[in-house]
C-alpha atoms as a PDB file:
ATOM      1  CA  MET A   1      22.813   9.324 -16.028  1.00  0.00           C
ATOM      2  CA  ALA A   2      20.759  10.474 -13.046  1.00  0.00           C
ATOM      3  CA  ALA A   3      22.132  13.259 -10.902  1.00  0.00           C
ATOM      4  CA  TYR A   4      22.224  12.994  -7.125  1.00  0.00           C
ATOM      5  CA  LEU A   5      20.002  15.572  -5.484  1.00  0.00           C
ATOM      6  CA  SER A   6      20.895  16.904  -2.070  1.00  0.00           C
ATOM      7  CA  GLN A   7      19.025  16.067   1.090  1.00  0.00           C
ATOM      8  CA  ASP A   8      18.112  19.756   1.334  1.00  0.00           C
ATOM      9  CA  ILE A   9      16.101  19.722  -1.909  1.00  0.00           C
ATOM     10  CA  ARG A  10      14.320  16.536  -0.829  1.00  0.00           C
ATOM     11  CA  ILE A  11      13.278  18.141   2.453  1.00  0.00           C
ATOM     12  CA  ARG A  12      12.119  21.307   0.693  1.00  0.00           C
ATOM     13  CA  VAL A  13      10.031  19.294  -1.793  1.00  0.00           C
ATOM     14  CA  LEU A  14       8.455  17.194   0.975  1.00  0.00           C
ATOM     15  CA  ARG A  15       7.632  20.296   3.019  1.00  0.00           C
ATOM     16  CA  ALA A  16       6.029  21.925  -0.011  1.00  0.00           C
ATOM     17  CA  ILE A  17       3.892  18.826  -0.613  1.00  0.00           C
ATOM     18  CA  GLY A  18       3.026  18.668   3.085  1.00  0.00           C
ATOM     19  CA  GLY A  19       2.069  22.332   2.886  1.00  0.00           C
ATOM     20  CA  GLY A  20      -0.548  21.652   0.257  1.00  0.00           C
ATOM     21  CA  LEU A  21       1.170  21.616  -3.124  1.00  0.00           C
ATOM     22  CA  SER A  22       0.556  18.685  -5.408  1.00  0.00           C
ATOM     23  CA  ARG A  23       3.510  16.466  -6.175  1.00  0.00           C
ATOM     24  CA  ASN A  24       3.569  17.690  -9.777  1.00  0.00           C
ATOM     25  CA  THR A  25       3.457  21.355  -8.792  1.00  0.00           C
ATOM     26  CA  ALA A  26       6.232  20.875  -6.230  1.00  0.00           C
ATOM     27  CA  ALA A  27       8.331  19.072  -8.850  1.00  0.00           C
ATOM     28  CA  LYS A  28       7.943  21.956 -11.284  1.00  0.00           C
ATOM     29  CA  ARG A  29       8.721  24.536  -8.596  1.00  0.00           C
ATOM     30  CA  PHE A  30      11.983  22.820  -7.647  1.00  0.00           C
ATOM     31  CA  ALA A  31      12.906  21.742 -11.206  1.00  0.00           C
ATOM     32  CA  ILE A  32      12.898  18.004 -10.530  1.00  0.00           C
ATOM     33  CA  SER A  33      11.004  15.188 -12.208  1.00  0.00           C
ATOM     34  CA  SER A  34       7.469  14.418 -11.101  1.00  0.00           C
ATOM     35  CA  ALA A  35       8.516  10.800 -10.614  1.00  0.00           C
ATOM     36  CA  SER A  36      11.116  11.871  -8.039  1.00  0.00           C
ATOM     37  CA  ALA A  37       8.587  13.917  -6.072  1.00  0.00           C
ATOM     38  CA  VAL A  38       6.126  11.016  -6.061  1.00  0.00           C
ATOM     39  CA  ARG A  39       8.803   8.491  -5.082  1.00  0.00           C
ATOM     40  CA  TRP A  40      10.186  10.694  -2.297  1.00  0.00           C
ATOM     41  CA  MET A  41       6.733  11.275  -0.846  1.00  0.00           C
ATOM     42  CA  GLN A  42       5.878   7.573  -0.978  1.00  0.00           C
ATOM     43  CA  THR A  43       9.118   6.762   0.839  1.00  0.00           C
ATOM     44  CA  CYS A  44       8.476   9.451   3.431  1.00  0.00           C
ATOM     45  CA  LEU A  45       4.939   8.215   4.095  1.00  0.00           C
ATOM     46  CA  ARG A  46       6.026   4.575   4.244  1.00  0.00           C
ATOM     47  CA  THR A  47       9.180   4.931   6.353  1.00  0.00           C
ATOM     48  CA  GLY A  48       9.083   8.427   7.840  1.00  0.00           C
ATOM     49  CA  ARG A  49      12.508   9.166   6.316  1.00  0.00           C
ATOM     50  CA  THR A  50      13.588  11.476   3.522  1.00  0.00           C
END
């Protein structure tokens, strides 16, 4: 079962990616799946929301 991750971690991951980290590197740094980092960034770019 997937765990809910807080809005805070999403924002931190997106800021790290925006700051120059790759999605995979940001995922490793924050101990989340690469798929989550990719999905969150795609959503942010598409809608402007976290």
